[in-house]
C-alpha atoms as a PDB file:
ATOM      1  CA  MET A   1      28.513   8.662 -31.876  1.00  0.00           C
ATOM      2  CA  THR A   2      26.539   6.296 -29.621  1.00  0.00           C
ATOM      3  CA  GLU A   3      25.026   7.873 -26.525  1.00  0.00           C
ATOM      4  CA  PRO A   4      26.160   6.363 -23.213  1.00  0.00           C
ATOM      5  CA  MET A   5      23.740   4.004 -21.494  1.00  0.00           C
ATOM      6  CA  LYS A   6      21.558   5.685 -18.876  1.00  0.00           C
ATOM      7  CA  TYR A   7      21.288   2.515 -16.819  1.00  0.00           C
ATOM      8  CA  GLU A   8      23.369  -0.458 -15.786  1.00  0.00           C
ATOM      9  CA  VAL A   9      22.171  -4.036 -15.419  1.00  0.00           C
ATOM     10  CA  VAL A  10      22.546  -5.523 -11.934  1.00  0.00           C
ATOM     11  CA  GLU A  11      23.284  -9.235 -12.247  1.00  0.00           C
ATOM     12  CA  VAL A  12      21.432 -10.806  -9.303  1.00  0.00           C
ATOM     13  CA  VAL A  13      18.867 -13.575  -8.860  1.00  0.00           C
ATOM     14  CA  SER A  14      15.435 -12.360  -7.711  1.00  0.00           C
ATOM     15  CA  ASP A  15      14.733 -12.862  -3.978  1.00  0.00           C
ATOM     16  CA  SER A  16      18.311 -14.058  -3.324  1.00  0.00           C
ATOM     17  CA  PRO A  17      20.447 -12.587  -0.477  1.00  0.00           C
ATOM     18  CA  GLU A  18      22.449 -10.706  -3.121  1.00  0.00           C
ATOM     19  CA  TRP A  19      19.229  -9.283  -4.571  1.00  0.00           C
ATOM     20  CA  ALA A  20      18.123  -8.157  -1.088  1.00  0.00           C
ATOM     21  CA  GLN A  21      21.456  -6.444  -0.485  1.00  0.00           C
ATOM     22  CA  GLU A  22      21.341  -4.674  -3.841  1.00  0.00           C
ATOM     23  CA  ARG A  23      17.877  -3.393  -2.937  1.00  0.00           C
ATOM     24  CA  ARG A  24      19.327  -1.821   0.213  1.00  0.00           C
ATOM     25  CA  ASN A  25      21.979  -0.043  -1.833  1.00  0.00           C
ATOM     26  CA  SER A  26      19.416   2.167  -3.556  1.00  0.00           C
ATOM     27  CA  LEU A  27      15.730   3.037  -3.739  1.00  0.00           C
ATOM     28  CA  GLY A  28      13.542   0.626  -5.704  1.00  0.00           C
ATOM     29  CA  ALA A  29      10.719   1.563  -8.060  1.00  0.00           C
ATOM     30  CA  SER A  30       8.245  -0.271  -5.816  1.00  0.00           C
ATOM     31  CA  GLU A  31       9.282   1.957  -2.884  1.00  0.00           C
ATOM     32  CA  VAL A  32       8.877   5.308  -4.626  1.00  0.00           C
ATOM     33  CA  ALA A  33       5.119   5.581  -3.982  1.00  0.00           C
ATOM     34  CA  ALA A  34       5.742   5.254  -0.225  1.00  0.00           C
ATOM     35  CA  VAL A  35       8.436   7.942  -0.323  1.00  0.00           C
ATOM     36  CA  LEU A  36       6.024  10.246  -2.190  1.00  0.00           C
ATOM     37  CA  GLY A  37       3.208   9.559   0.280  1.00  0.00           C
ATOM     38  CA  LEU A  38       1.089   7.796  -2.357  1.00  0.00           C
ATOM     39  CA  SER A  39       1.032   4.289  -0.880  1.00  0.00           C
ATOM     40  CA  PRO A  40      -1.679   2.992   1.483  1.00  0.00           C
ATOM     41  CA  TYR A  41       0.570   0.069   2.406  1.00  0.00           C
ATOM     42  CA  ALA A  42       3.875   1.665   3.434  1.00  0.00           C
ATOM     43  CA  THR A  43       5.385   4.988   4.506  1.00  0.00           C
ATOM     44  CA  ALA A  44       8.665   6.779   3.928  1.00  0.00           C
ATOM     45  CA  LEU A  45       9.755   5.691   7.397  1.00  0.00           C
ATOM     46  CA  ASP A  46       9.096   2.043   6.478  1.00  0.00           C
ATOM     47  CA  VAL A  47      11.351   2.434   3.447  1.00  0.00           C
ATOM     48  CA  TYR A  48      14.026   4.234   5.480  1.00  0.00           C
ATOM     49  CA  ARG A  49      14.078   1.445   8.055  1.00  0.00           C
ATOM     50  CA  SER A  50      14.351  -1.204   5.354  1.00  0.00           C
ATOM     51  CA  LYS A  51      17.462   0.549   4.026  1.00  0.00           C
ATOM     52  CA  LYS A  52      18.878   0.390   7.535  1.00  0.00           C
ATOM     53  CA  GLY A  53      18.312  -3.343   7.722  1.00  0.00           C
ATOM     54  CA  VAL A  54      14.966  -3.359   9.540  1.00  0.00           C
ATOM     55  CA  ASP A  55      12.834  -5.273   7.079  1.00  0.00           C
ATOM     56  CA  THR A  56       9.142  -6.035   7.350  1.00  0.00           C
ATOM     57  CA  TYR A  57       8.063  -9.678   7.445  1.00  0.00           C
ATOM     58  CA  PHE A  58       8.742 -11.518   4.196  1.00  0.00           C
ATOM     59  CA  ASP A  59       6.121 -14.146   3.360  1.00  0.00           C
ATOM     60  CA  PRO A  60       7.790 -16.770   1.120  1.00  0.00           C
ATOM     61  CA  GLU A  61       4.454 -18.394   0.282  1.00  0.00           C
ATOM     62  CA  ARG A  62       2.965 -15.129  -0.914  1.00  0.00           C
ATOM     63  CA  ALA A  63       6.125 -14.375  -2.893  1.00  0.00           C
ATOM     64  CA  ALA A  64       5.913 -17.799  -4.554  1.00  0.00           C
ATOM     65  CA  ILE A  65       2.271 -17.159  -5.509  1.00  0.00           C
ATOM     66  CA  GLY A  66       3.266 -13.798  -6.982  1.00  0.00           C
ATOM     67  CA  HIS A  67       6.033 -15.340  -9.094  1.00  0.00           C
ATOM     68  CA  GLU A  68       3.675 -18.045 -10.366  1.00  0.00           C
ATOM     69  CA  ALA A  69       1.097 -15.374 -11.255  1.00  0.00           C
ATOM     70  CA  GLU A  70       3.758 -13.563 -13.291  1.00  0.00           C
ATOM     71  CA  LYS A  71       4.480 -16.777 -15.185  1.00  0.00           C
ATOM     72  CA  LEU A  72       0.765 -17.194 -15.918  1.00  0.00           C
ATOM     73  CA  MET A  73       0.499 -13.603 -17.153  1.00  0.00           C
ATOM     74  CA  GLN A  74       3.496 -14.176 -19.423  1.00  0.00           C
ATOM     75  CA  THR A  75       1.778 -17.270 -20.847  1.00  0.00           C
ATOM     76  CA  ILE A  76      -1.427 -15.289 -21.461  1.00  0.00           C
ATOM     77  CA  ILE A  77       0.498 -12.558 -23.282  1.00  0.00           C
ATOM     78  CA  GLU A  78       2.389 -15.069 -25.416  1.00  0.00           C
ATOM     79  CA  GLN A  79      -0.803 -16.932 -26.361  1.00  0.00           C
ATOM     80  CA  PHE A  80      -3.300 -14.101 -26.716  1.00  0.00           C
ATOM     81  CA  ARG A  81      -1.205 -10.921 -27.204  1.00  0.00           C
ATOM     82  CA  PRO A  82       1.457 -12.028 -29.719  1.00  0.00           C
ATOM     83  CA  GLU A  83       2.026  -8.416 -30.775  1.00  0.00           C
ATOM     84  CA  PHE A  84       3.896  -7.924 -27.482  1.00  0.00           C
ATOM     85  CA  THR A  85       6.244 -10.879 -27.902  1.00  0.00           C
ATOM     86  CA  PRO A  86       8.874 -12.006 -27.309  1.00  0.00           C
ATOM     87  CA  VAL A  87       8.405 -11.484 -23.583  1.00  0.00           C
ATOM     88  CA  LEU A  88      11.842 -10.966 -22.064  1.00  0.00           C
ATOM     89  CA  PRO A  89      12.768 -12.102 -18.532  1.00  0.00           C
ATOM     90  CA  ALA A  90      12.885 -10.141 -15.282  1.00  0.00           C
ATOM     91  CA  GLN A  91      15.869  -7.850 -14.801  1.00  0.00           C
ATOM     92  CA  MET A  92      17.237  -5.411 -12.204  1.00  0.00           C
ATOM     93  CA  VAL A  93      18.620  -2.129 -13.536  1.00  0.00           C
ATOM     94  CA  ARG A  94      20.116   0.899 -11.811  1.00  0.00           C
ATOM     95  CA  SER A  95      20.105   4.497 -13.043  1.00  0.00           C
ATOM     96  CA  VAL A  96      23.480   5.958 -14.015  1.00  0.00           C
ATOM     97  CA  GLU A  97      22.176   9.533 -13.800  1.00  0.00           C
ATOM     98  CA  CYS A  98      20.482   8.971 -10.434  1.00  0.00           C
ATOM     99  CA  PRO A  99      22.333   5.996  -8.877  1.00  0.00           C
ATOM    100  CA  TRP A 100      20.106   6.075  -5.800  1.00  0.00           C
ATOM    101  CA  LEU A 101      17.282   4.666  -7.981  1.00  0.00           C
ATOM    102  CA  HIS A 102      16.904   1.109  -9.265  1.00  0.00           C
ATOM    103  CA  ALA A 103      14.090  -0.922 -10.811  1.00  0.00           C
ATOM    104  CA  SER A 104      13.312  -4.637 -10.670  1.00  0.00           C
ATOM    105  CA  LEU A 105      11.478  -5.206 -13.943  1.00  0.00           C
ATOM    106  CA  ASP A 106       8.910  -8.039 -13.729  1.00  0.00           C
ATOM    107  CA  ARG A 107       9.160  -8.712 -17.471  1.00  0.00           C
ATOM    108  CA  ARG A 108       9.799  -6.764 -20.668  1.00  0.00           C
ATOM    109  CA  LEU A 109       7.420  -6.644 -23.614  1.00  0.00           C
ATOM    110  CA  THR A 110       8.597  -6.176 -27.189  1.00  0.00           C
ATOM    111  CA  VAL A 111       6.840  -3.270 -28.926  1.00  0.00           C
ATOM    112  CA  ASP A 112       7.919  -1.734 -32.249  1.00  0.00           C
ATOM    113  CA  GLY A 113      11.319  -3.346 -32.011  1.00  0.00           C
ATOM    114  CA  ILE A 114      12.179  -2.218 -28.464  1.00  0.00           C
ATOM    115  CA  ASP A 115      11.640  -3.860 -25.106  1.00  0.00           C
ATOM    116  CA  VAL A 116       9.656  -1.897 -22.520  1.00  0.00           C
ATOM    117  CA  PRO A 117       8.907  -2.635 -18.862  1.00  0.00           C
ATOM    118  CA  VAL A 118       5.670  -4.279 -17.784  1.00  0.00           C
ATOM    119  CA  GLN A 119       4.604  -4.172 -14.148  1.00  0.00           C
ATOM    120  CA  MET A 120       2.593  -7.295 -13.290  1.00  0.00           C
ATOM    121  CA  LYS A 121      -0.004  -7.155 -10.509  1.00  0.00           C
ATOM    122  CA  THR A 122      -2.767  -9.324  -9.069  1.00  0.00           C
ATOM    123  CA  ALA A 123      -5.956  -8.183  -7.352  1.00  0.00           C
ATOM    124  CA  HIS A 124      -8.769  -9.960  -5.558  1.00  0.00           C
ATOM    125  CA  PHE A 125     -12.334  -9.749  -6.868  1.00  0.00           C
ATOM    126  CA  TYR A 126     -13.130  -6.476  -5.056  1.00  0.00           C
ATOM    127  CA  GLY A 127      -9.694  -4.963  -5.686  1.00  0.00           C
ATOM    128  CA  VAL A 128     -10.328  -4.989  -9.430  1.00  0.00           C
ATOM    129  CA  LYS A 129     -12.428  -1.823  -9.039  1.00  0.00           C
ATOM    130  CA  ASP A 130      -9.215   0.119  -8.409  1.00  0.00           C
ATOM    131  CA  TRP A 131      -8.315  -0.579 -12.041  1.00  0.00           C
ATOM    132  CA  GLU A 132     -11.618   0.535 -13.598  1.00  0.00           C
ATOM    133  CA  ASP A 133     -10.049   3.739 -14.946  1.00  0.00           C
ATOM    134  CA  GLY A 134      -6.728   2.169 -15.902  1.00  0.00           C
ATOM    135  CA  THR A 135      -3.454   1.935 -14.007  1.00  0.00           C
ATOM    136  CA  PRO A 136      -3.853   3.103 -10.365  1.00  0.00           C
ATOM    137  CA  ILE A 137      -1.659   5.950  -9.093  1.00  0.00           C
ATOM    138  CA  LEU A 138       0.322   3.573  -6.865  1.00  0.00           C
ATOM    139  CA  VAL A 139       1.376   1.471  -9.865  1.00  0.00           C
ATOM    140  CA  GLN A 140       1.789   4.595 -12.018  1.00  0.00           C
ATOM    141  CA  ALA A 141       4.516   5.862  -9.678  1.00  0.00           C
ATOM    142  CA  GLN A 142       6.311   2.524  -9.829  1.00  0.00           C
ATOM    143  CA  LEU A 143       6.066   2.279 -13.599  1.00  0.00           C
ATOM    144  CA  GLN A 144       7.203   5.882 -14.152  1.00  0.00           C
ATOM    145  CA  THR A 145      10.286   5.095 -12.087  1.00  0.00           C
ATOM    146  CA  GLU A 146      10.941   1.996 -14.187  1.00  0.00           C
ATOM    147  CA  MET A 147      10.596   3.991 -17.422  1.00  0.00           C
ATOM    148  CA  PHE A 148      13.023   6.618 -16.117  1.00  0.00           C
ATOM    149  CA  VAL A 149      15.611   4.149 -14.851  1.00  0.00           C
ATOM    150  CA  TYR A 150      15.327   1.878 -17.901  1.00  0.00           C
ATOM    151  CA  ASP A 151      15.180   4.894 -20.249  1.00  0.00           C
ATOM    152  CA  ARG A 152      12.016   3.949 -22.107  1.00  0.00           C
ATOM    153  CA  PRO A 153       9.270   6.194 -23.617  1.00  0.00           C
ATOM    154  CA  PHE A 154       6.361   4.064 -22.377  1.00  0.00           C
ATOM    155  CA  GLY A 155       5.577   0.920 -20.447  1.00  0.00           C
ATOM    156  CA  TYR A 156       2.705  -1.374 -19.507  1.00  0.00           C
ATOM    157  CA  SER A 157       0.860  -2.482 -16.415  1.00  0.00           C
ATOM    158  CA  ALA A 158      -0.731  -5.926 -16.382  1.00  0.00           C
ATOM    159  CA  LEU A 159      -3.436  -7.143 -14.022  1.00  0.00           C
ATOM    160  CA  LEU A 160      -4.626 -10.661 -13.310  1.00  0.00           C
ATOM    161  CA  GLY A 161      -7.898 -10.039 -11.486  1.00  0.00           C
ATOM    162  CA  GLY A 162     -10.004 -12.117  -9.158  1.00  0.00           C
ATOM    163  CA  ASP A 163     -12.781 -11.809 -11.733  1.00  0.00           C
ATOM    164  CA  MET A 164     -10.727 -14.152 -13.959  1.00  0.00           C
ATOM    165  CA  ARG A 165      -9.906 -11.396 -16.423  1.00  0.00           C
ATOM    166  CA  PHE A 166      -6.520 -10.241 -17.700  1.00  0.00           C
ATOM    167  CA  ARG A 167      -5.924  -6.547 -18.355  1.00  0.00           C
ATOM    168  CA  LEU A 168      -3.045  -4.758 -20.058  1.00  0.00           C
ATOM    169  CA  PHE A 169      -2.671  -0.961 -19.988  1.00  0.00           C
ATOM    170  CA  ARG A 170      -0.180   1.217 -21.830  1.00  0.00           C
ATOM    171  CA  VAL A 171       1.312   4.059 -19.763  1.00  0.00           C
ATOM    172  CA  GLU A 172       3.188   6.943 -21.379  1.00  0.00           C
ATOM    173  CA  ARG A 173       6.313   8.385 -19.785  1.00  0.00           C
ATOM    174  CA  ASP A 174       5.505  11.544 -17.786  1.00  0.00           C
ATOM    175  CA  GLU A 175       8.508  13.886 -17.898  1.00  0.00           C
ATOM    176  CA  GLU A 176       6.833  16.501 -15.702  1.00  0.00           C
ATOM    177  CA  PHE A 177       6.306  13.957 -12.931  1.00  0.00           C
ATOM    178  CA  ILE A 178       9.825  12.590 -13.301  1.00  0.00           C
ATOM    179  CA  GLU A 179      11.614  15.945 -13.294  1.00  0.00           C
ATOM    180  CA  ASN A 180       9.482  17.823 -10.752  1.00  0.00           C
ATOM    181  CA  HIS A 181       8.508  15.071  -8.334  1.00  0.00           C
ATOM    182  CA  LEU A 182      10.277  11.743  -8.742  1.00  0.00           C
ATOM    183  CA  ILE A 183      13.889  12.911  -8.963  1.00  0.00           C
ATOM    184  CA  PRO A 184      13.854  15.743  -6.370  1.00  0.00           C
ATOM    185  CA  ALA A 185      11.790  13.801  -3.802  1.00  0.00           C
ATOM    186  CA  THR A 186      13.858  10.622  -4.013  1.00  0.00           C
ATOM    187  CA  HIS A 187      17.117  12.611  -4.080  1.00  0.00           C
ATOM    188  CA  GLU A 188      16.143  14.366  -0.848  1.00  0.00           C
ATOM    189  CA  PHE A 189      15.000  11.120   0.769  1.00  0.00           C
ATOM    190  CA  TRP A 190      18.205   9.292  -0.102  1.00  0.00           C
ATOM    191  CA  HIS A 191      20.739  12.044   0.589  1.00  0.00           C
ATOM    192  CA  GLU A 192      19.102  13.874   3.501  1.00  0.00           C
ATOM    193  CA  HIS A 193      17.676  10.853   5.309  1.00  0.00           C
ATOM    194  CA  VAL A 194      19.226   7.513   4.326  1.00  0.00           C
ATOM    195  CA  LEU A 195      22.813   8.674   3.873  1.00  0.00           C
ATOM    196  CA  LYS A 196      22.706  10.999   6.895  1.00  0.00           C
ATOM    197  CA  ASP A 197      20.927   8.489   9.167  1.00  0.00           C
ATOM    198  CA  VAL A 198      18.078  10.944   9.753  1.00  0.00           C
ATOM    199  CA  PRO A 199      14.617   9.306   9.807  1.00  0.00           C
ATOM    200  CA  PRO A 200      11.970  11.045   7.681  1.00  0.00           C
ATOM    201  CA  PRO A 201       8.997  12.677   9.450  1.00  0.00           C
ATOM    202  CA  ALA A 202       6.346  10.354  10.850  1.00  0.00           C
ATOM    203  CA  ALA A 203       3.275   9.674   8.729  1.00  0.00           C
ATOM    204  CA  THR A 204       1.151   8.285  11.584  1.00  0.00           C
ATOM    205  CA  THR A 205       0.742   8.791  15.328  1.00  0.00           C
ATOM    206  CA  ALA A 206       2.225   5.316  15.882  1.00  0.00           C
ATOM    207  CA  GLU A 207       5.298   6.213  13.837  1.00  0.00           C
ATOM    208  CA  HIS A 208       5.746   9.405  15.859  1.00  0.00           C
ATOM    209  CA  ALA A 209       5.649   7.340  19.057  1.00  0.00           C
ATOM    210  CA  SER A 210       8.313   5.025  17.641  1.00  0.00           C
ATOM    211  CA  LEU A 211      10.559   8.026  16.987  1.00  0.00           C
ATOM    212  CA  HIS A 212       9.897  10.300  19.981  1.00  0.00           C
ATOM    213  CA  THR A 213       9.171   9.963  23.676  1.00  0.00           C
ATOM    214  CA  PRO A 214       7.547  13.198  24.963  1.00  0.00           C
ATOM    215  CA  ASP A 215       9.895  15.025  27.338  1.00  0.00           C
ATOM    216  CA  PRO A 216       8.037  17.008  30.068  1.00  0.00           C
ATOM    217  CA  ALA A 217      11.012  19.376  30.304  1.00  0.00           C
ATOM    218  CA  ARG A 218      10.730  20.464  26.669  1.00  0.00           C
ATOM    219  CA  ASP A 219       8.363  23.026  25.141  1.00  0.00           C
ATOM    220  CA  VAL A 220       7.736  23.889  21.515  1.00  0.00           C
ATOM    221  CA  GLU A 221       6.264  27.176  20.279  1.00  0.00           C
ATOM    222  CA  LEU A 222       3.770  26.722  17.422  1.00  0.00           C
ATOM    223  CA  THR A 223       3.491  29.057  14.459  1.00  0.00           C
ATOM    224  CA  ASP A 224       0.238  30.904  13.790  1.00  0.00           C
ATOM    225  CA  LEU A 225      -0.323  28.665  10.766  1.00  0.00           C
ATOM    226  CA  LEU A 226      -0.096  25.497  12.877  1.00  0.00           C
ATOM    227  CA  VAL A 227      -2.448  26.964  15.490  1.00  0.00           C
ATOM    228  CA  GLU A 228      -4.982  27.644  12.722  1.00  0.00           C
ATOM    229  CA  ALA A 229      -4.529  24.073  11.516  1.00  0.00           C
ATOM    230  CA  LEU A 230      -5.212  22.755  15.023  1.00  0.00           C
ATOM    231  CA  ASP A 231      -8.337  24.878  15.273  1.00  0.00           C
ATOM    232  CA  ARG A 232      -9.488  23.331  12.008  1.00  0.00           C
ATOM    233  CA  ARG A 233      -8.678  19.871  13.430  1.00  0.00           C
ATOM    234  CA  ASP A 234     -10.896  20.560  16.456  1.00  0.00           C
ATOM    235  CA  VAL A 235     -13.777  21.547  14.172  1.00  0.00           C
ATOM    236  CA  LEU A 236     -13.327  18.386  12.104  1.00  0.00           C
ATOM    237  CA  LEU A 237     -13.275  16.185  15.209  1.00  0.00           C
ATOM    238  CA  SER A 238     -16.413  17.879  16.532  1.00  0.00           C
ATOM    239  CA  ASP A 239     -18.191  17.351  13.197  1.00  0.00           C
ATOM    240  CA  ALA A 240     -17.087  13.708  13.116  1.00  0.00           C
ATOM    241  CA  LEU A 241     -18.404  13.150  16.643  1.00  0.00           C
ATOM    242  CA  ALA A 242     -21.770  14.673  15.701  1.00  0.00           C
ATOM    243  CA  LEU A 243     -21.984  12.401  12.653  1.00  0.00           C
ATOM    244  CA  GLU A 244     -21.132   9.362  14.789  1.00  0.00           C
ATOM    245  CA  LYS A 245     -23.941  10.261  17.226  1.00  0.00           C
ATOM    246  CA  GLU A 246     -26.369  10.707  14.339  1.00  0.00           C
ATOM    247  CA  ALA A 247     -25.286   7.368  12.846  1.00  0.00           C
ATOM    248  CA  LYS A 248     -25.840   5.694  16.236  1.00  0.00           C
ATOM    249  CA  VAL A 249     -29.417   7.035  16.369  1.00  0.00           C
ATOM    250  CA  LEU A 250     -30.104   5.878  12.803  1.00  0.00           C
ATOM    251  CA  ARG A 251     -28.699   2.408  13.506  1.00  0.00           C
ATOM    252  CA  ALA A 252     -30.866   2.141  16.646  1.00  0.00           C
ATOM    253  CA  GLU A 253     -33.983   2.995  14.635  1.00  0.00           C
ATOM    254  CA  ALA A 254     -33.023   0.471  11.957  1.00  0.00           C
ATOM    255  CA  ASP A 255     -32.500  -2.199  14.637  1.00  0.00           C
ATOM    256  CA  GLU A 256     -35.923  -1.455  16.158  1.00  0.00           C
ATOM    257  CA  THR A 257     -37.566  -1.947  12.770  1.00  0.00           C
ATOM    258  CA  GLN A 258     -35.690  -5.209  12.270  1.00  0.00           C
ATOM    259  CA  VAL A 259     -36.741  -6.564  15.677  1.00  0.00           C
ATOM    260  CA  ALA A 260     -40.371  -5.608  15.005  1.00  0.00           C
ATOM    261  CA  VAL A 261     -40.357  -7.564  11.735  1.00  0.00           C
ATOM    262  CA  LEU A 262     -38.606 -10.539  13.378  1.00  0.00           C
ATOM    263  CA  ASN A 263     -41.281 -10.616  16.103  1.00  0.00           C
ATOM    264  CA  TYR A 264     -43.996 -10.458  13.435  1.00  0.00           C
ATOM    265  CA  ALA A 265     -42.348 -13.342  11.529  1.00  0.00           C
ATOM    266  CA  GLY A 266     -41.913 -15.572  14.549  1.00  0.00           C
ATOM    267  CA  ALA A 267     -40.438 -18.920  13.482  1.00  0.00           C
ATOM    268  CA  ALA A 268     -40.870 -18.258   9.752  1.00  0.00           C
ATOM    269  CA  GLN A 269     -37.761 -18.102   7.587  1.00  0.00           C
ATOM    270  CA  ASN A 270     -39.087 -16.588   4.379  1.00  0.00           C
ATOM    271  CA  ILE A 271     -40.661 -13.141   4.311  1.00  0.00           C
ATOM    272  CA  THR A 272     -42.890 -12.318   1.367  1.00  0.00           C
ATOM    273  CA  HIS A 273     -44.974  -9.431   0.093  1.00  0.00           C
ATOM    274  CA  MET A 274     -47.805  -9.975  -2.372  1.00  0.00           C
ATOM    275  CA  GLY A 275     -46.524 -13.527  -2.743  1.00  0.00           C
ATOM    276  CA  GLU A 276     -42.986 -12.490  -3.718  1.00  0.00           C
ATOM    277  CA  PRO A 277     -39.982 -13.276  -1.434  1.00  0.00           C
ATOM    278  CA  ILE A 278     -38.278 -10.083  -0.291  1.00  0.00           C
ATOM    279  CA  TYR A 279     -36.272 -11.136   2.798  1.00  0.00           C
ATOM    280  CA  GLU A 280     -35.194 -14.267   4.590  1.00  0.00           C
ATOM    281  CA  ILE A 281     -34.296 -14.781   8.237  1.00  0.00           C
ATOM    282  CA  LYS A 282     -30.805 -16.232   8.527  1.00  0.00           C
ATOM    283  CA  PRO A 283     -29.146 -17.274  11.820  1.00  0.00           C
ATOM    284  CA  VAL A 284     -25.681 -15.746  12.304  1.00  0.00           C
ATOM    285  CA  LYS A 285     -23.232 -17.120  14.847  1.00  0.00           C
ATOM    286  CA  GLY A 286     -22.052 -14.812  17.573  1.00  0.00           C
ATOM    287  CA  ARG A 287     -18.527 -13.403  17.462  1.00  0.00           C
ATOM    288  CA  ARG A 288     -15.860 -15.074  19.492  1.00  0.00           C
ATOM    289  CA  SER A 289     -13.986 -12.872  21.930  1.00  0.00           C
ATOM    290  CA  VAL A 290     -11.347 -13.237  24.598  1.00  0.00           C
ATOM    291  CA  SER A 291     -11.143 -11.271  27.817  1.00  0.00           C
ATOM    292  CA  VAL A 292      -7.573 -10.080  28.221  1.00  0.00           C
ATOM    293  CA  ALA A 293      -8.166  -9.583  31.944  1.00  0.00           C
ATOM    294  CA  ASP A 294      -9.376 -13.182  32.315  1.00  0.00           C
ATOM    295  CA  VAL A 295      -6.325 -14.529  30.491  1.00  0.00           C
ATOM    296  CA  GLU A 296      -4.053 -12.516  32.774  1.00  0.00           C
ATOM    297  CA  ASN A 297      -5.873 -13.589  35.937  1.00  0.00           C
ATOM    298  CA  LEU A 298      -6.704 -17.230  35.139  1.00  0.00           C
ATOM    299  CA  HIS A 299      -3.799 -18.214  32.899  1.00  0.00           C
ATOM    300  CA  PRO A 300      -0.896 -15.841  33.603  1.00  0.00           C
ATOM    301  CA  GLU A 301       1.539 -18.417  32.172  1.00  0.00           C
ATOM    302  CA  LEU A 302      -0.098 -17.937  28.751  1.00  0.00           C
ATOM    303  CA  TYR A 303      -0.486 -14.157  28.907  1.00  0.00           C
ATOM    304  CA  ASP A 304       2.777 -13.205  27.190  1.00  0.00           C
ATOM    305  CA  GLU A 305       2.264 -15.852  24.519  1.00  0.00           C
ATOM    306  CA  LEU A 306      -1.356 -15.083  23.656  1.00  0.00           C
ATOM    307  CA  VAL A 307      -1.800 -11.368  24.292  1.00  0.00           C
ATOM    308  CA  LYS A 308      -0.198  -9.017  21.802  1.00  0.00           C
ATOM    309  CA  THR A 309       0.003  -5.279  22.382  1.00  0.00           C
ATOM    310  CA  GLY A 310      -0.324  -3.002  19.383  1.00  0.00           C
ATOM    311  CA  ALA A 311       2.033  -0.146  18.620  1.00  0.00           C
ATOM    312  CA  GLY A 312       1.692   2.871  20.876  1.00  0.00           C
ATOM    313  CA  ARG A 313       0.769   6.301  19.533  1.00  0.00           C
ATOM    314  CA  ASN A 314       1.476   9.918  20.316  1.00  0.00           C
ATOM    315  CA  VAL A 315      -1.706  12.018  20.194  1.00  0.00           C
ATOM    316  CA  LEU A 316      -2.629  15.614  20.960  1.00  0.00           C
ATOM    317  CA  ARG A 317      -4.703  16.402  24.051  1.00  0.00           C
ATOM    318  CA  LYS A 318      -5.968  19.925  24.621  1.00  0.00           C
ATOM    319  CA  VAL A 319      -4.686  21.493  27.848  1.00  0.00           C
ATOM    320  CA  LYS A 320      -7.490  22.437  30.236  1.00  0.00           C
ATOM    321  CA  LYS A 321      -7.156  25.976  31.523  1.00  0.00           C
END
């Protein structure tokens, strides 16, 4: 007897309005890292708001570059990694067991007679270092979700780096992560937050400010554990301040040494020692800056157009006794 399929194919065109709506209907593999607190680029609240129709800015040019990079990576695989061919097209699939999860597969590689997901990424020259030890945790979370939804035992991550190198890493399915972290965390996020219209806790002071306006008439009693945590925070802030002061002293001493050498060099450009060049003097243009006060006073008609205010934050201030 044939086992029932653990996923269903969602017939939509990538980046189309229908595709965007389907993404709102469930949690995508690319959003799981944010829900788990593993993403440096997005938070659980960002994902929650996107499900409620508040999307972040979509850059069509960047999306086009990404799609073209995927085509190039497919060409590289077909020409130089024939053991992974045929390369099958992108596809959106949704989990039958956990219908709140879906995955938009970039491509599918053919390995030992089965097709498995491959997550295609690009990185600038300096971003390649994040891949030195293999697939980064951010991509791992995405790929594990794809393997769960698509019901596959392994998958691949592919990187087209700014160093003009192509990398391909095999990633095994991690059942412990899926059962103990992926499923329970995403289930709670979807059912306790998205479906109940309850935003998840803030991950930053700016997010807290976007959710709450402090009410002077309200008090909250902290637990002993939170008081201990705040005491630890005060120690950390004090240590950080001391390090900043020490760094300021060290930078001042370094600047004094630099000025002394510049005065010694005068109008020379090349600095040598024992006939060997060791430094050169290079003019650097000063930074441009704009006085917000001057714009407001001299050109008030341009103030609203030119001056942008960042997001507010809610921060803790110790009460003076």
